[in-house]
Amino acid sequence: MSNRSIIIMVLVLVGATAYLLLKGDGDIDMGGEKHGAEAAHMEEAKKDAPAAPAAPVAPAAAPAADAKK
């Protein structure tokens, strides 16, 4: 691979990375765990979230006498 092709590849990757970072509208907070007023909105989100579905019930086990037949 020539130096020219490596430079072109690096420029393409840098351009693609810059495009994705600028176009992405995600609100990412890398600040760690929050306490106090900053974390107040989390309690409201938990209240608004739908209830988790109930766990599936396992069928009743067959009696041992029936298994030997």
N, C-alpha and C. Protein backbone atom coordinates (compact mmCIF):
# COMPACT_ATOMS: atom_id res chain seq x y z
N MET A 1 0.85 -1.17 0.00
CA MET A 1 0.00 0.00 0.00
C MET A 1 0.90 1.24 0.00
N SER A 2 0.58 2.17 -0.84
CA SER A 2 1.41 3.37 -0.92
C SER A 2 1.01 4.38 0.16
N ASN A 3 1.88 5.31 0.39
CA ASN A 3 1.61 6.34 1.39
C ASN A 3 0.41 7.19 1.00
N ARG A 4 0.23 7.41 -0.29
CA ARG A 4 -0.89 8.21 -0.77
C ARG A 4 -2.22 7.53 -0.43
N SER A 5 -2.31 6.25 -0.64
CA SER A 5 -3.57 5.55 -0.36
C SER A 5 -3.84 5.50 1.14
N ILE A 6 -2.81 5.40 1.95
CA ILE A 6 -3.00 5.41 3.41
C ILE A 6 -3.52 6.77 3.85
N ILE A 7 -2.96 7.84 3.32
CA ILE A 7 -3.41 9.18 3.68
C ILE A 7 -4.85 9.40 3.24
N ILE A 8 -5.22 8.95 2.06
CA ILE A 8 -6.60 9.08 1.58
C ILE A 8 -7.55 8.30 2.47
N MET A 9 -7.15 7.10 2.87
CA MET A 9 -8.00 6.28 3.73
C MET A 9 -8.19 6.94 5.10
N VAL A 10 -7.14 7.50 5.65
CA VAL A 10 -7.24 8.17 6.95
C VAL A 10 -8.15 9.39 6.83
N LEU A 11 -8.03 10.16 5.76
CA LEU A 11 -8.88 11.33 5.58
C LEU A 11 -10.35 10.95 5.42
N VAL A 12 -10.61 9.87 4.71
CA VAL A 12 -11.99 9.40 4.55
C VAL A 12 -12.56 8.97 5.91
N LEU A 13 -11.78 8.25 6.69
CA LEU A 13 -12.26 7.81 8.01
C LEU A 13 -12.47 8.99 8.95
N VAL A 14 -11.57 9.97 8.93
CA VAL A 14 -11.74 11.16 9.76
C VAL A 14 -12.98 11.92 9.34
N GLY A 15 -13.20 12.04 8.05
CA GLY A 15 -14.39 12.72 7.56
C GLY A 15 -15.68 12.00 7.95
N ALA A 16 -15.68 10.68 7.83
CA ALA A 16 -16.87 9.91 8.22
C ALA A 16 -17.13 10.03 9.71
N THR A 17 -16.08 10.01 10.51
CA THR A 17 -16.23 10.13 11.95
C THR A 17 -16.77 11.51 12.31
N ALA A 18 -16.23 12.55 11.70
CA ALA A 18 -16.71 13.91 11.97
C ALA A 18 -18.17 14.06 11.56
N TYR A 19 -18.54 13.49 10.42
CA TYR A 19 -19.93 13.56 9.96
C TYR A 19 -20.88 12.89 10.96
N LEU A 20 -20.51 11.70 11.42
CA LEU A 20 -21.37 10.98 12.36
C LEU A 20 -21.47 11.70 13.69
N LEU A 21 -20.37 12.28 14.15
CA LEU A 21 -20.41 13.00 15.43
C LEU A 21 -21.25 14.28 15.33
N LEU A 22 -21.19 14.96 14.19
CA LEU A 22 -21.95 16.19 14.04
C LEU A 22 -23.43 15.93 13.77
N LYS A 23 -23.75 14.87 13.06
CA LYS A 23 -25.14 14.55 12.73
C LYS A 23 -25.86 13.83 13.86
N GLY A 24 -25.14 13.15 14.72
CA GLY A 24 -25.76 12.42 15.82
C GLY A 24 -26.37 13.40 16.81
N ASP A 25 -27.62 13.19 17.17
CA ASP A 25 -28.27 14.10 18.10
C ASP A 25 -28.48 13.45 19.46
N GLY A 26 -27.70 12.42 19.76
CA GLY A 26 -27.82 11.75 21.04
C GLY A 26 -27.34 12.64 22.17
N ASP A 27 -28.01 12.56 23.29
CA ASP A 27 -27.63 13.34 24.46
C ASP A 27 -26.90 12.39 25.40
N ILE A 28 -25.61 12.28 25.22
CA ILE A 28 -24.82 11.33 25.99
C ILE A 28 -24.14 12.07 27.13
N ASP A 29 -24.33 11.56 28.34
CA ASP A 29 -23.72 12.17 29.52
C ASP A 29 -22.71 11.19 30.09
N MET A 30 -21.45 11.53 29.97
CA MET A 30 -20.38 10.66 30.46
C MET A 30 -19.91 11.10 31.84
N GLY A 31 -20.76 11.81 32.57
CA GLY A 31 -20.37 12.39 33.85
C GLY A 31 -20.43 11.43 35.03
N GLY A 32 -20.96 10.25 34.85
CA GLY A 32 -21.04 9.30 35.96
C GLY A 32 -22.36 9.41 36.70
N GLU A 33 -22.38 8.86 37.88
CA GLU A 33 -23.60 8.81 38.68
C GLU A 33 -23.98 10.19 39.18
N LYS A 34 -25.27 10.52 39.11
CA LYS A 34 -25.75 11.83 39.53
C LYS A 34 -26.48 11.73 40.86
N HIS A 35 -26.37 12.78 41.66
CA HIS A 35 -27.05 12.86 42.95
C HIS A 35 -27.72 14.21 43.07
N GLY A 36 -28.73 14.27 43.91
CA GLY A 36 -29.38 15.54 44.18
C GLY A 36 -30.33 15.97 43.09
N ALA A 37 -30.34 17.29 42.81
CA ALA A 37 -31.29 17.86 41.86
C ALA A 37 -31.07 17.34 40.45
N GLU A 38 -29.84 16.98 40.11
CA GLU A 38 -29.56 16.47 38.77
C GLU A 38 -30.24 15.14 38.52
N ALA A 39 -30.44 14.35 39.56
CA ALA A 39 -31.02 13.02 39.40
C ALA A 39 -32.54 13.01 39.60
N ALA A 40 -33.16 14.15 39.84
CA ALA A 40 -34.59 14.21 40.13
C ALA A 40 -35.43 13.71 38.97
N HIS A 41 -34.98 13.93 37.74
CA HIS A 41 -35.79 13.52 36.59
C HIS A 41 -35.85 12.00 36.45
N MET A 42 -34.95 11.26 37.05
CA MET A 42 -34.95 9.81 36.95
C MET A 42 -36.14 9.21 37.71
N GLU A 43 -36.51 9.78 38.82
CA GLU A 43 -37.66 9.29 39.58
C GLU A 43 -38.95 9.46 38.77
N GLU A 44 -39.07 10.58 38.07
CA GLU A 44 -40.26 10.80 37.24
C GLU A 44 -40.31 9.81 36.09
N ALA A 45 -39.17 9.48 35.52
CA ALA A 45 -39.14 8.53 34.40
C ALA A 45 -39.55 7.14 34.87
N LYS A 46 -39.17 6.78 36.08
CA LYS A 46 -39.55 5.46 36.61
C LYS A 46 -41.06 5.38 36.83
N LYS A 47 -41.68 6.48 37.25
CA LYS A 47 -43.12 6.49 37.48
C LYS A 47 -43.89 6.39 36.16
N ASP A 48 -43.35 7.01 35.11
CA ASP A 48 -44.03 7.02 33.81
C ASP A 48 -43.84 5.73 33.03
N ALA A 49 -42.84 4.93 33.38
CA ALA A 49 -42.54 3.71 32.63
C ALA A 49 -43.64 2.68 32.85
N PRO A 50 -43.99 1.90 31.82
CA PRO A 50 -45.01 0.87 31.99
C PRO A 50 -44.49 -0.24 32.90
N ALA A 51 -45.43 -0.92 33.54
CA ALA A 51 -45.06 -2.01 34.44
C ALA A 51 -44.42 -3.15 33.66
N ALA A 52 -43.49 -3.83 34.27
CA ALA A 52 -42.82 -4.96 33.63
C ALA A 52 -43.80 -6.12 33.51
N PRO A 53 -43.76 -6.87 32.42
CA PRO A 53 -44.67 -8.01 32.28
C PRO A 53 -44.36 -9.08 33.32
N ALA A 54 -45.40 -9.80 33.70
CA ALA A 54 -45.22 -10.85 34.69
C ALA A 54 -44.38 -11.99 34.13
N ALA A 55 -43.65 -12.64 35.01
CA ALA A 55 -42.79 -13.75 34.59
C ALA A 55 -43.68 -14.92 34.17
N PRO A 56 -43.29 -15.68 33.15
CA PRO A 56 -44.10 -16.82 32.73
C PRO A 56 -44.14 -17.89 33.83
N VAL A 57 -45.30 -18.50 33.95
CA VAL A 57 -45.49 -19.51 34.97
C VAL A 57 -45.11 -20.87 34.38
N ALA A 58 -44.26 -21.61 35.10
CA ALA A 58 -43.84 -22.93 34.63
C ALA A 58 -44.98 -23.93 34.84
N PRO A 59 -45.16 -24.88 33.92
CA PRO A 59 -46.22 -25.86 34.09
C PRO A 59 -45.92 -26.74 35.30
N ALA A 60 -46.99 -27.24 35.90
CA ALA A 60 -46.82 -28.08 37.10
C ALA A 60 -46.10 -29.37 36.72
N ALA A 61 -45.25 -29.82 37.62
CA ALA A 61 -44.48 -31.05 37.35
C ALA A 61 -45.41 -32.26 37.45
N ALA A 62 -45.18 -33.23 36.58
CA ALA A 62 -45.99 -34.45 36.60
C ALA A 62 -45.60 -35.29 37.80
N PRO A 63 -46.56 -35.99 38.41
CA PRO A 63 -46.23 -36.85 39.54
C PRO A 63 -45.23 -37.96 39.12
N ALA A 64 -44.41 -38.37 40.05
CA ALA A 64 -43.37 -39.37 39.76
C ALA A 64 -43.98 -40.70 39.34
N ALA A 65 -45.16 -41.05 39.84
CA ALA A 65 -45.78 -42.32 39.48
C ALA A 65 -46.15 -42.36 38.00
N ASP A 66 -46.58 -41.24 37.45
CA ASP A 66 -46.94 -41.19 36.04
C ASP A 66 -45.71 -41.29 35.15
N ALA A 67 -44.58 -40.83 35.60
CA ALA A 67 -43.37 -40.83 34.80
C ALA A 67 -42.82 -42.25 34.63
N LYS A 68 -43.10 -43.16 35.55
CA LYS A 68 -42.55 -44.51 35.48
C LYS A 68 -43.34 -45.41 34.53
N LYS A 69 -44.55 -45.07 34.16
CA LYS A 69 -45.39 -45.94 33.33
C LYS A 69 -44.89 -46.07 31.96
